[in-house]
PDB file of N, CA and C in Angstrom:
ATOM      1  N   UNK A   1     -33.129   2.171   6.438  1.00  0.00           N
ATOM      2  CA  UNK A   1     -33.471   3.035   7.549  1.00  0.00           C
ATOM      3  C   UNK A   1     -32.471   4.176   7.603  1.00  0.00           C
ATOM      4  N   UNK A   2     -32.951   5.371   7.854  1.00  0.00           N
ATOM      5  CA  UNK A   2     -32.101   6.539   7.972  1.00  0.00           C
ATOM      6  C   UNK A   2     -32.026   6.969   9.419  1.00  0.00           C
ATOM      7  N   UNK A   3     -30.857   7.419   9.806  1.00  0.00           N
ATOM      8  CA  UNK A   3     -30.662   7.915  11.155  1.00  0.00           C
ATOM      9  C   UNK A   3     -29.623   9.001  11.092  1.00  0.00           C
ATOM     10  N   UNK A   4     -29.568   9.857  12.050  1.00  0.00           N
ATOM     11  CA  UNK A   4     -28.524  10.869  12.066  1.00  0.00           C
ATOM     12  C   UNK A   4     -28.973  12.110  12.784  1.00  0.00           C
ATOM     13  N   UNK A   5     -28.046  13.017  12.956  1.00  0.00           N
ATOM     14  CA  UNK A   5     -28.343  14.255  13.647  1.00  0.00           C
ATOM     15  C   UNK A   5     -27.997  15.435  12.784  1.00  0.00           C
ATOM     16  N   UNK A   6     -27.516  16.499  13.403  1.00  0.00           N
ATOM     17  CA  UNK A   6     -27.204  17.716  12.688  1.00  0.00           C
ATOM     18  C   UNK A   6     -26.032  17.543  11.725  1.00  0.00           C
ATOM     19  N   UNK A   7     -25.040  16.714  12.082  1.00  0.00           N
ATOM     20  CA  UNK A   7     -23.816  16.586  11.314  1.00  0.00           C
ATOM     21  C   UNK A   7     -23.950  15.808  10.027  1.00  0.00           C
ATOM     22  N   UNK A   8     -24.992  15.042   9.846  1.00  0.00           N
ATOM     23  CA  UNK A   8     -25.117  14.291   8.610  1.00  0.00           C
ATOM     24  C   UNK A   8     -26.006  13.086   8.778  1.00  0.00           C
ATOM     25  N   UNK A   9     -26.172  12.374   7.673  1.00  0.00           N
ATOM     26  CA  UNK A   9     -27.029  11.201   7.686  1.00  0.00           C
ATOM     27  C   UNK A   9     -26.173   9.967   7.561  1.00  0.00           C
ATOM     28  N   UNK A  10     -26.643   8.893   8.148  1.00  0.00           N
ATOM     29  CA  UNK A  10     -25.930   7.634   8.118  1.00  0.00           C
ATOM     30  C   UNK A  10     -26.917   6.546   7.743  1.00  0.00           C
ATOM     31  N   UNK A  11     -26.608   5.782   6.695  1.00  0.00           N
ATOM     32  CA  UNK A  11     -27.462   4.673   6.309  1.00  0.00           C
ATOM     33  C   UNK A  11     -27.208   3.514   7.257  1.00  0.00           C
ATOM     34  N   UNK A  12     -28.267   3.033   7.882  1.00  0.00           N
ATOM     35  CA  UNK A  12     -28.147   1.925   8.820  1.00  0.00           C
ATOM     36  C   UNK A  12     -28.910   0.721   8.286  1.00  0.00           C
ATOM     37  N   UNK A  13     -28.376  -0.465   8.538  1.00  0.00           N
ATOM     38  CA  UNK A  13     -29.102  -1.674   8.154  1.00  0.00           C
ATOM     39  C   UNK A  13     -30.037  -2.067   9.295  1.00  0.00           C
ATOM     40  N   UNK A  14     -30.645  -3.242   9.181  1.00  0.00           N
ATOM     41  CA  UNK A  14     -31.625  -3.684  10.174  1.00  0.00           C
ATOM     42  C   UNK A  14     -31.017  -3.872  11.560  1.00  0.00           C
ATOM     43  N   UNK A  15     -29.706  -4.121  11.638  1.00  0.00           N
ATOM     44  CA  UNK A  15     -29.066  -4.323  12.941  1.00  0.00           C
ATOM     45  C   UNK A  15     -28.646  -3.016  13.600  1.00  0.00           C
ATOM     46  N   UNK A  16     -28.777  -1.914  12.879  1.00  0.00           N
ATOM     47  CA  UNK A  16     -28.373  -0.627  13.426  1.00  0.00           C
ATOM     48  C   UNK A  16     -26.940  -0.251  13.105  1.00  0.00           C
ATOM     49  N   UNK A  17     -26.244  -1.100  12.327  1.00  0.00           N
ATOM     50  CA  UNK A  17     -24.867  -0.813  11.921  1.00  0.00           C
ATOM     51  C   UNK A  17     -24.872  -0.083  10.586  1.00  0.00           C
ATOM     52  N   UNK A  18     -23.795   0.648  10.270  1.00  0.00           N
ATOM     53  CA  UNK A  18     -23.745   1.330   8.980  1.00  0.00           C
ATOM     54  C   UNK A  18     -23.894   0.343   7.828  1.00  0.00           C
ATOM     55  N   UNK A  19     -24.724   0.710   6.858  1.00  0.00           N
ATOM     56  CA  UNK A  19     -24.936  -0.136   5.686  1.00  0.00           C
ATOM     57  C   UNK A  19     -23.660  -0.193   4.871  1.00  0.00           C
ATOM     58  N   UNK A  20     -23.415  -1.321   4.236  1.00  0.00           N
ATOM     59  CA  UNK A  20     -22.189  -1.465   3.444  1.00  0.00           C
ATOM     60  C   UNK A  20     -22.209  -0.491   2.274  1.00  0.00           C
ATOM     61  N   UNK A  21     -21.024   0.030   1.942  1.00  0.00           N
ATOM     62  CA  UNK A  21     -20.898   0.938   0.811  1.00  0.00           C
ATOM     63  C   UNK A  21     -21.137   2.382   1.161  1.00  0.00           C
ATOM     64  N   UNK A  22     -21.384   2.714   2.425  1.00  0.00           N
ATOM     65  CA  UNK A  22     -21.601   4.107   2.779  1.00  0.00           C
ATOM     66  C   UNK A  22     -20.658   4.517   3.891  1.00  0.00           C
ATOM     67  N   UNK A  23     -20.368   5.787   3.910  1.00  0.00           N
ATOM     68  CA  UNK A  23     -19.517   6.350   4.947  1.00  0.00           C
ATOM     69  C   UNK A  23     -20.089   7.724   5.255  1.00  0.00           C
ATOM     70  N   UNK A  24     -20.338   8.003   6.505  1.00  0.00           N
ATOM     71  CA  UNK A  24     -20.856   9.314   6.873  1.00  0.00           C
ATOM     72  C   UNK A  24     -19.997   9.867   7.991  1.00  0.00           C
ATOM     73  N   UNK A  25     -19.123  10.757   7.644  1.00  0.00           N
ATOM     74  CA  UNK A  25     -18.258  11.397   8.624  1.00  0.00           C
ATOM     75  C   UNK A  25     -18.216  12.877   8.264  1.00  0.00           C
ATOM     76  N   UNK A  26     -18.824  13.708   9.059  1.00  0.00           N
ATOM     77  CA  UNK A  26     -18.793  15.150   8.822  1.00  0.00           C
ATOM     78  C   UNK A  26     -19.248  15.517   7.429  1.00  0.00           C
ATOM     79  N   UNK A  27     -18.322  16.087   6.649  1.00  0.00           N
ATOM     80  CA  UNK A  27     -18.658  16.583   5.316  1.00  0.00           C
ATOM     81  C   UNK A  27     -18.763  15.463   4.286  1.00  0.00           C
ATOM     82  N   UNK A  28     -18.393  14.248   4.624  1.00  0.00           N
ATOM     83  CA  UNK A  28     -18.412  13.160   3.659  1.00  0.00           C
ATOM     84  C   UNK A  28     -19.695  12.340   3.785  1.00  0.00           C
ATOM     85  N   UNK A  29     -20.832  12.999   3.893  1.00  0.00           N
ATOM     86  CA  UNK A  29     -22.094  12.302   4.059  1.00  0.00           C
ATOM     87  C   UNK A  29     -22.383  11.424   2.860  1.00  0.00           C
ATOM     88  N   UNK A  30     -22.759  10.173   3.142  1.00  0.00           N
ATOM     89  CA  UNK A  30     -23.167   9.217   2.125  1.00  0.00           C
ATOM     90  C   UNK A  30     -22.144   9.040   1.020  1.00  0.00           C
ATOM     91  N   UNK A  31     -20.864   9.162   1.333  1.00  0.00           N
ATOM     92  CA  UNK A  31     -19.827   8.933   0.346  1.00  0.00           C
ATOM     93  C   UNK A  31     -19.749   7.437   0.079  1.00  0.00           C
ATOM     94  N   UNK A  32     -19.791   7.089  -1.162  1.00  0.00           N
ATOM     95  CA  UNK A  32     -19.759   5.698  -1.570  1.00  0.00           C
ATOM     96  C   UNK A  32     -18.324   5.180  -1.536  1.00  0.00           C
ATOM     97  N   UNK A  33     -18.163   3.906  -1.305  1.00  0.00           N
ATOM     98  CA  UNK A  33     -16.844   3.279  -1.282  1.00  0.00           C
ATOM     99  C   UNK A  33     -16.149   3.481  -2.625  1.00  0.00           C
ATOM    100  N   UNK A  34     -16.915   3.472  -3.686  1.00  0.00           N
ATOM    101  CA  UNK A  34     -16.372   3.702  -5.030  1.00  0.00           C
ATOM    102  C   UNK A  34     -15.756   5.090  -5.134  1.00  0.00           C
ATOM    103  N   UNK A  35     -16.385   6.104  -4.528  1.00  0.00           N
ATOM    104  CA  UNK A  35     -15.846   7.462  -4.537  1.00  0.00           C
ATOM    105  C   UNK A  35     -14.499   7.514  -3.819  1.00  0.00           C
ATOM    106  N   UNK A  36     -14.402   6.827  -2.711  1.00  0.00           N
ATOM    107  CA  UNK A  36     -13.152   6.795  -1.952  1.00  0.00           C
ATOM    108  C   UNK A  36     -12.068   6.086  -2.762  1.00  0.00           C
ATOM    109  N   UNK A  37     -12.436   4.995  -3.438  1.00  0.00           N
ATOM    110  CA  UNK A  37     -11.475   4.261  -4.258  1.00  0.00           C
ATOM    111  C   UNK A  37     -10.947   5.131  -5.394  1.00  0.00           C
ATOM    112  N   UNK A  38     -11.806   5.899  -6.023  1.00  0.00           N
ATOM    113  CA  UNK A  38     -11.375   6.797  -7.099  1.00  0.00           C
ATOM    114  C   UNK A  38     -10.465   7.874  -6.535  1.00  0.00           C
ATOM    115  N   UNK A  39     -10.807   8.426  -5.383  1.00  0.00           N
ATOM    116  CA  UNK A  39     -10.004   9.450  -4.740  1.00  0.00           C
ATOM    117  C   UNK A  39      -8.606   8.917  -4.425  1.00  0.00           C
ATOM    118  N   UNK A  40      -8.535   7.705  -3.885  1.00  0.00           N
ATOM    119  CA  UNK A  40      -7.249   7.084  -3.558  1.00  0.00           C
ATOM    120  C   UNK A  40      -6.458   6.803  -4.835  1.00  0.00           C
ATOM    121  N   UNK A  41      -7.121   6.275  -5.866  1.00  0.00           N
ATOM    122  CA  UNK A  41      -6.433   5.980  -7.126  1.00  0.00           C
ATOM    123  C   UNK A  41      -5.877   7.258  -7.753  1.00  0.00           C
ATOM    124  N   UNK A  42      -6.642   8.339  -7.716  1.00  0.00           N
ATOM    125  CA  UNK A  42      -6.148   9.619  -8.244  1.00  0.00           C
ATOM    126  C   UNK A  42      -4.965  10.117  -7.424  1.00  0.00           C
ATOM    127  N   UNK A  43      -5.002   9.921  -6.124  1.00  0.00           N
ATOM    128  CA  UNK A  43      -3.890  10.328  -5.268  1.00  0.00           C
ATOM    129  C   UNK A  43      -2.624   9.560  -5.592  1.00  0.00           C
ATOM    130  N   UNK A  44      -2.761   8.244  -5.766  1.00  0.00           N
ATOM    131  CA  UNK A  44      -1.597   7.419  -6.103  1.00  0.00           C
ATOM    132  C   UNK A  44      -1.038   7.838  -7.460  1.00  0.00           C
ATOM    133  N   UNK A  45      -1.909   8.038  -8.436  1.00  0.00           N
ATOM    134  CA  UNK A  45      -1.469   8.447  -9.775  1.00  0.00           C
ATOM    135  C   UNK A  45      -0.776   9.811  -9.744  1.00  0.00           C
ATOM    136  N   UNK A  46      -1.356  10.768  -9.032  1.00  0.00           N
ATOM    137  CA  UNK A  46      -0.752  12.103  -8.938  1.00  0.00           C
ATOM    138  C   UNK A  46       0.608  12.039  -8.256  1.00  0.00           C
ATOM    139  N   UNK A  47       0.717  11.267  -7.187  1.00  0.00           N
ATOM    140  CA  UNK A  47       1.993  11.119  -6.493  1.00  0.00           C
ATOM    141  C   UNK A  47       3.036  10.435  -7.352  1.00  0.00           C
ATOM    142  N   UNK A  48       2.619   9.433  -8.109  1.00  0.00           N
ATOM    143  CA  UNK A  48       3.530   8.698  -8.982  1.00  0.00           C
ATOM    144  C   UNK A  48       4.066   9.599 -10.096  1.00  0.00           C
ATOM    145  N   UNK A  49       3.162  10.349 -10.734  1.00  0.00           N
ATOM    146  CA  UNK A  49       3.589  11.268 -11.802  1.00  0.00           C
ATOM    147  C   UNK A  49       4.479  12.361 -11.223  1.00  0.00           C
ATOM    148  N   UNK A  50       4.137  12.879 -10.056  1.00  0.00           N
ATOM    149  CA  UNK A  50       4.959  13.924  -9.427  1.00  0.00           C
ATOM    150  C   UNK A  50       6.355  13.403  -9.115  1.00  0.00           C
ATOM    151  N   UNK A  51       6.454  12.116  -8.749  1.00  0.00           N
ATOM    152  CA  UNK A  51       7.775  11.553  -8.447  1.00  0.00           C
ATOM    153  C   UNK A  51       8.644  11.467  -9.701  1.00  0.00           C
ATOM    154  N   UNK A  52       8.040  11.406 -10.867  1.00  0.00           N
ATOM    155  CA  UNK A  52       8.801  11.460 -12.120  1.00  0.00           C
ATOM    156  C   UNK A  52       9.507  12.807 -12.237  1.00  0.00           C
ATOM    157  N   UNK A  53       8.805  13.878 -11.890  1.00  0.00           N
ATOM    158  CA  UNK A  53       9.373  15.225 -12.004  1.00  0.00           C
ATOM    159  C   UNK A  53      10.446  15.474 -10.945  1.00  0.00           C
ATOM    160  N   UNK A  54      10.179  15.012  -9.732  1.00  0.00           N
ATOM    161  CA  UNK A  54      11.086  15.265  -8.615  1.00  0.00           C
ATOM    162  C   UNK A  54      12.205  14.227  -8.576  1.00  0.00           C
ATOM    163  N   UNK A  55      11.893  13.007  -8.986  1.00  0.00           N
ATOM    164  CA  UNK A  55      12.866  11.931  -8.986  1.00  0.00           C
ATOM    165  C   UNK A  55      12.745  11.066  -7.751  1.00  0.00           C
ATOM    166  N   UNK A  56      13.074   9.804  -7.922  1.00  0.00           N
ATOM    167  CA  UNK A  56      13.065   8.876  -6.790  1.00  0.00           C
ATOM    168  C   UNK A  56      11.751   8.145  -6.646  1.00  0.00           C
ATOM    169  N   UNK A  57      11.854   6.862  -6.336  1.00  0.00           N
ATOM    170  CA  UNK A  57      10.676   6.044  -6.072  1.00  0.00           C
ATOM    171  C   UNK A  57      10.409   6.064  -4.571  1.00  0.00           C
ATOM    172  N   UNK A  58       9.169   6.315  -4.193  1.00  0.00           N
ATOM    173  CA  UNK A  58       8.839   6.433  -2.776  1.00  0.00           C
ATOM    174  C   UNK A  58       7.842   5.376  -2.323  1.00  0.00           C
ATOM    175  N   UNK A  59       7.460   4.469  -3.190  1.00  0.00           N
ATOM    176  CA  UNK A  59       6.524   3.404  -2.831  1.00  0.00           C
ATOM    177  C   UNK A  59       5.080   3.850  -2.919  1.00  0.00           C
ATOM    178  N   UNK A  60       4.191   2.883  -2.935  1.00  0.00           N
ATOM    179  CA  UNK A  60       2.773   3.186  -3.151  1.00  0.00           C
ATOM    180  C   UNK A  60       2.182   4.054  -2.037  1.00  0.00           C
ATOM    181  N   UNK A  61       2.587   3.826  -0.792  1.00  0.00           N
ATOM    182  CA  UNK A  61       2.075   4.672   0.298  1.00  0.00           C
ATOM    183  C   UNK A  61       2.622   6.092   0.191  1.00  0.00           C
ATOM    184  N   UNK A  62       3.866   6.219  -0.237  1.00  0.00           N
ATOM    185  CA  UNK A  62       4.438   7.545  -0.469  1.00  0.00           C
ATOM    186  C   UNK A  62       3.741   8.274  -1.592  1.00  0.00           C
ATOM    187  N   UNK A  63       3.446   7.539  -2.676  1.00  0.00           N
ATOM    188  CA  UNK A  63       2.706   8.136  -3.798  1.00  0.00           C
ATOM    189  C   UNK A  63       1.333   8.598  -3.339  1.00  0.00           C
ATOM    190  N   UNK A  64       0.676   7.736  -2.545  1.00  0.00           N
ATOM    191  CA  UNK A  64      -0.655   8.079  -2.042  1.00  0.00           C
ATOM    192  C   UNK A  64      -0.602   9.324  -1.169  1.00  0.00           C
ATOM    193  N   UNK A  65       0.322   9.356  -0.216  1.00  0.00           N
ATOM    194  CA  UNK A  65       0.436  10.513   0.673  1.00  0.00           C
ATOM    195  C   UNK A  65       0.762  11.786  -0.089  1.00  0.00           C
ATOM    196  N   UNK A  66       1.730  11.707  -0.998  1.00  0.00           N
ATOM    197  CA  UNK A  66       2.106  12.885  -1.782  1.00  0.00           C
ATOM    198  C   UNK A  66       0.946  13.339  -2.663  1.00  0.00           C
ATOM    199  N   UNK A  67       0.245  12.373  -3.259  1.00  0.00           N
ATOM    200  CA  UNK A  67      -0.869  12.719  -4.134  1.00  0.00           C
ATOM    201  C   UNK A  67      -2.039  13.335  -3.401  1.00  0.00           C
ATOM    202  N   UNK A  68      -2.401  12.755  -2.253  1.00  0.00           N
ATOM    203  CA  UNK A  68      -3.542  13.300  -1.504  1.00  0.00           C
ATOM    204  C   UNK A  68      -3.207  14.661  -0.897  1.00  0.00           C
ATOM    205  N   UNK A  69      -2.009  14.772  -0.314  1.00  0.00           N
ATOM    206  CA  UNK A  69      -1.595  16.088   0.196  1.00  0.00           C
ATOM    207  C   UNK A  69      -1.442  17.082  -0.952  1.00  0.00           C
ATOM    208  N   UNK A  70      -0.916  16.592  -2.069  1.00  0.00           N
ATOM    209  CA  UNK A  70      -0.768  17.444  -3.243  1.00  0.00           C
ATOM    210  C   UNK A  70      -2.097  17.958  -3.766  1.00  0.00           C
ATOM    211  N   UNK A  71      -3.131  17.146  -3.686  1.00  0.00           N
ATOM    212  CA  UNK A  71      -4.458  17.589  -4.104  1.00  0.00           C
ATOM    213  C   UNK A  71      -4.932  18.754  -3.255  1.00  0.00           C
ATOM    214  N   UNK A  72      -4.699  18.648  -1.958  1.00  0.00           N
ATOM    215  CA  UNK A  72      -5.092  19.727  -1.041  1.00  0.00           C
ATOM    216  C   UNK A  72      -4.270  20.985  -1.323  1.00  0.00           C
ATOM    217  N   UNK A  73      -2.945  20.819  -1.435  1.00  0.00           N
ATOM    218  CA  UNK A  73      -2.058  21.961  -1.684  1.00  0.00           C
ATOM    219  C   UNK A  73      -2.379  22.598  -3.031  1.00  0.00           C
ATOM    220  N   UNK A  74      -2.507  21.779  -4.076  1.00  0.00           N
ATOM    221  CA  UNK A  74      -2.807  22.306  -5.410  1.00  0.00           C
ATOM    222  C   UNK A  74      -4.138  23.029  -5.461  1.00  0.00           C
ATOM    223  N   UNK A  75      -5.163  22.445  -4.853  1.00  0.00           N
ATOM    224  CA  UNK A  75      -6.476  23.091  -4.821  1.00  0.00           C
ATOM    225  C   UNK A  75      -6.463  24.391  -4.043  1.00  0.00           C
ATOM    226  N   UNK A  76      -5.752  24.393  -2.908  1.00  0.00           N
ATOM    227  CA  UNK A  76      -5.646  25.608  -2.090  1.00  0.00           C
ATOM    228  C   UNK A  76      -4.946  26.716  -2.863  1.00  0.00           C
ATOM    229  N   UNK A  77      -3.813  26.390  -3.482  1.00  0.00           N
ATOM    230  CA  UNK A  77      -3.072  27.406  -4.237  1.00  0.00           C
ATOM    231  C   UNK A  77      -3.860  27.908  -5.444  1.00  0.00           C
ATOM    232  N   UNK A  78      -4.578  27.012  -6.099  1.00  0.00           N
ATOM    233  CA  UNK A  78      -5.399  27.425  -7.246  1.00  0.00           C
ATOM    234  C   UNK A  78      -6.476  28.415  -6.811  1.00  0.00           C
ATOM    235  N   UNK A  79      -7.088  28.160  -5.653  1.00  0.00           N
ATOM    236  CA  UNK A  79      -8.107  29.098  -5.158  1.00  0.00           C
ATOM    237  C   UNK A  79      -7.488  30.411  -4.698  1.00  0.00           C
ATOM    238  N   UNK A  80      -6.360  30.341  -4.001  1.00  0.00           N
ATOM    239  CA  UNK A  80      -5.729  31.558  -3.479  1.00  0.00           C
ATOM    240  C   UNK A  80      -5.252  32.472  -4.592  1.00  0.00           C
ATOM    241  N   UNK A  81      -4.696  31.897  -5.645  1.00  0.00           N
ATOM    242  CA  UNK A  81      -4.158  32.692  -6.740  1.00  0.00           C
ATOM    243  C   UNK A  81      -5.101  32.757  -7.936  1.00  0.00           C
ATOM    244  N   UNK A  82      -6.340  32.298  -7.749  1.00  0.00           N
ATOM    245  CA  UNK A  82      -7.382  32.348  -8.770  1.00  0.00           C
ATOM    246  C   UNK A  82      -6.901  31.756 -10.095  1.00  0.00           C
ATOM    247  N   UNK A  83      -6.299  30.572 -10.020  1.00  0.00           N
ATOM    248  CA  UNK A  83      -5.785  29.889 -11.206  1.00  0.00           C
ATOM    249  C   UNK A  83      -6.909  29.066 -11.825  1.00  0.00           C
ATOM    250  N   UNK A  84      -7.172  29.320 -13.087  1.00  0.00           N
ATOM    251  CA  UNK A  84      -8.181  28.573 -13.832  1.00  0.00           C
ATOM    252  C   UNK A  84      -7.521  28.067 -15.110  1.00  0.00           C
ATOM    253  N   UNK A  85      -7.522  26.765 -15.303  1.00  0.00           N
ATOM    254  CA  UNK A  85      -6.846  26.171 -16.456  1.00  0.00           C
ATOM    255  C   UNK A  85      -7.707  26.194 -17.716  1.00  0.00           C
ATOM    256  N   UNK A  86      -9.030  26.143 -17.575  1.00  0.00           N
ATOM    257  CA  UNK A  86      -9.974  26.182 -18.701  1.00  0.00           C
ATOM    258  C   UNK A  86      -9.628  25.174 -19.792  1.00  0.00           C
ATOM    259  N   UNK A  87      -9.366  23.951 -19.386  1.00  0.00           N
ATOM    260  CA  UNK A  87      -9.049  22.882 -20.331  1.00  0.00           C
ATOM    261  C   UNK A  87     -10.324  22.298 -20.926  1.00  0.00           C
ATOM    262  N   UNK A  88     -11.384  22.316 -20.162  1.00  0.00           N
ATOM    263  CA  UNK A  88     -12.641  21.765 -20.631  1.00  0.00           C
ATOM    264  C   UNK A  88     -13.021  20.475 -19.928  1.00  0.00           C
ATOM    265  N   UNK A  89     -12.086  19.862 -19.250  1.00  0.00           N
ATOM    266  CA  UNK A  89     -12.343  18.637 -18.500  1.00  0.00           C
ATOM    267  C   UNK A  89     -11.992  18.879 -17.038  1.00  0.00           C
ATOM    268  N   UNK A  90     -12.987  18.793 -16.190  1.00  0.00           N
ATOM    269  CA  UNK A  90     -12.769  19.016 -14.761  1.00  0.00           C
ATOM    270  C   UNK A  90     -11.790  17.985 -14.209  1.00  0.00           C
ATOM    271  N   UNK A  91     -11.909  16.735 -14.661  1.00  0.00           N
ATOM    272  CA  UNK A  91     -11.016  15.675 -14.194  1.00  0.00           C
ATOM    273  C   UNK A  91      -9.557  16.001 -14.526  1.00  0.00           C
ATOM    274  N   UNK A  92      -9.301  16.401 -15.756  1.00  0.00           N
ATOM    275  CA  UNK A  92      -7.926  16.713 -16.174  1.00  0.00           C
ATOM    276  C   UNK A  92      -7.400  17.916 -15.398  1.00  0.00           C
ATOM    277  N   UNK A  93      -8.235  18.932 -15.215  1.00  0.00           N
ATOM    278  CA  UNK A  93      -7.817  20.108 -14.448  1.00  0.00           C
ATOM    279  C   UNK A  93      -7.462  19.737 -13.017  1.00  0.00           C
ATOM    280  N   UNK A  94      -8.282  18.901 -12.393  1.00  0.00           N
ATOM    281  CA  UNK A  94      -8.010  18.476 -11.019  1.00  0.00           C
ATOM    282  C   UNK A  94      -6.746  17.632 -10.941  1.00  0.00           C
ATOM    283  N   UNK A  95      -6.522  16.771 -11.926  1.00  0.00           N
ATOM    284  CA  UNK A  95      -5.304  15.963 -11.928  1.00  0.00           C
ATOM    285  C   UNK A  95      -4.067  16.842 -12.080  1.00  0.00           C
ATOM    286  N   UNK A  96      -4.123  17.827 -12.945  1.00  0.00           N
ATOM    287  CA  UNK A  96      -2.976  18.725 -13.133  1.00  0.00           C
ATOM    288  C   UNK A  96      -2.675  19.477 -11.843  1.00  0.00           C
ATOM    289  N   UNK A  97      -3.717  19.981 -11.188  1.00  0.00           N
ATOM    290  CA  UNK A  97      -3.496  20.705  -9.927  1.00  0.00           C
ATOM    291  C   UNK A  97      -3.002  19.761  -8.839  1.00  0.00           C
ATOM    292  N   UNK A  98      -3.490  18.520  -8.821  1.00  0.00           N
ATOM    293  CA  UNK A  98      -3.024  17.532  -7.846  1.00  0.00           C
ATOM    294  C   UNK A  98      -1.557  17.192  -8.083  1.00  0.00           C
ATOM    295  N   UNK A  99      -1.176  17.019  -9.329  1.00  0.00           N
ATOM    296  CA  UNK A  99       0.215  16.708  -9.658  1.00  0.00           C
ATOM    297  C   UNK A  99       1.119  17.881  -9.287  1.00  0.00           C
ATOM    298  N   UNK A 100       0.687  19.099  -9.615  1.00  0.00           N
ATOM    299  CA  UNK A 100       1.485  20.282  -9.260  1.00  0.00           C
ATOM    300  C   UNK A 100       1.638  20.383  -7.745  1.00  0.00           C
ATOM    301  N   UNK A 101       0.559  20.156  -7.012  1.00  0.00           N
ATOM    302  CA  UNK A 101       0.629  20.179  -5.551  1.00  0.00           C
ATOM    303  C   UNK A 101       1.513  19.074  -5.006  1.00  0.00           C
ATOM    304  N   UNK A 102       1.453  17.885  -5.621  1.00  0.00           N
ATOM    305  CA  UNK A 102       2.286  16.768  -5.176  1.00  0.00           C
ATOM    306  C   UNK A 102       3.768  17.056  -5.425  1.00  0.00           C
ATOM    307  N   UNK A 103       4.073  17.729  -6.528  1.00  0.00           N
ATOM    308  CA  UNK A 103       5.464  18.121  -6.789  1.00  0.00           C
ATOM    309  C   UNK A 103       5.942  19.055  -5.682  1.00  0.00           C
ATOM    310  N   UNK A 104       5.109  20.005  -5.308  1.00  0.00           N
ATOM    311  CA  UNK A 104       5.465  20.939  -4.230  1.00  0.00           C
ATOM    312  C   UNK A 104       5.676  20.182  -2.923  1.00  0.00           C
ATOM    313  N   UNK A 105       4.770  19.266  -2.620  1.00  0.00           N
ATOM    314  CA  UNK A 105       4.874  18.461  -1.380  1.00  0.00           C
ATOM    315  C   UNK A 105       6.176  17.658  -1.386  1.00  0.00           C
ATOM    316  N   UNK A 106       6.499  17.021  -2.499  1.00  0.00           N
ATOM    317  CA  UNK A 106       7.706  16.210  -2.576  1.00  0.00           C
ATOM    318  C   UNK A 106       8.973  17.063  -2.480  1.00  0.00           C
ATOM    319  N   UNK A 107       8.945  18.251  -3.092  1.00  0.00           N
ATOM    320  CA  UNK A 107      10.103  19.142  -2.982  1.00  0.00           C
ATOM    321  C   UNK A 107      10.323  19.604  -1.538  1.00  0.00           C
ATOM    322  N   UNK A 108       9.245  19.953  -0.865  1.00  0.00           N
ATOM    323  CA  UNK A 108       9.340  20.357   0.542  1.00  0.00           C
ATOM    324  C   UNK A 108       9.835  19.190   1.395  1.00  0.00           C
ATOM    325  N   UNK A 109       9.326  17.972   1.113  1.00  0.00           N
ATOM    326  CA  UNK A 109       9.757  16.790   1.860  1.00  0.00           C
ATOM    327  C   UNK A 109      11.250  16.536   1.648  1.00  0.00           C
ATOM    328  N   UNK A 110      11.745  16.749   0.437  1.00  0.00           N
ATOM    329  CA  UNK A 110      13.180  16.561   0.175  1.00  0.00           C
ATOM    330  C   UNK A 110      14.013  17.577   0.927  1.00  0.00           C
ATOM    331  N   UNK A 111      13.536  18.796   1.029  1.00  0.00           N
ATOM    332  CA  UNK A 111      14.273  19.829   1.754  1.00  0.00           C
ATOM    333  C   UNK A 111      14.317  19.482   3.244  1.00  0.00           C
ATOM    334  N   UNK A 112      13.207  19.044   3.793  1.00  0.00           N
ATOM    335  CA  UNK A 112      13.118  18.738   5.218  1.00  0.00           C
ATOM    336  C   UNK A 112      13.878  17.472   5.572  1.00  0.00           C
ATOM    337  N   UNK A 113      13.738  16.429   4.774  1.00  0.00           N
ATOM    338  CA  UNK A 113      14.338  15.136   5.105  1.00  0.00           C
ATOM    339  C   UNK A 113      15.555  14.965   4.262  1.00  0.00           C
TER     340      UNK A 113
END
């Protein structure tokens, strides 16, 4: 059964609760749990690799935070400065920008804290 309004669609089961494996929040309509898991895994990996460059172990939650924030920072800077890597693999390009953004996030965090 489908239900929803202007903001998006939400898969509902027979009881009227969200169907398992789906998430509908604003722009993340019908995002699968697998998509979120990949996003989190990429964030942890980007944060972990960035910590190699900056130094220091910050734990899995620190890696996740640095990686996810780094993805936003890296993507924003790439768009603002029209940076195109042209590697041929979208995944590799996104990981490089996420790692670069995570390095920036970690450097700023070191300056502040």
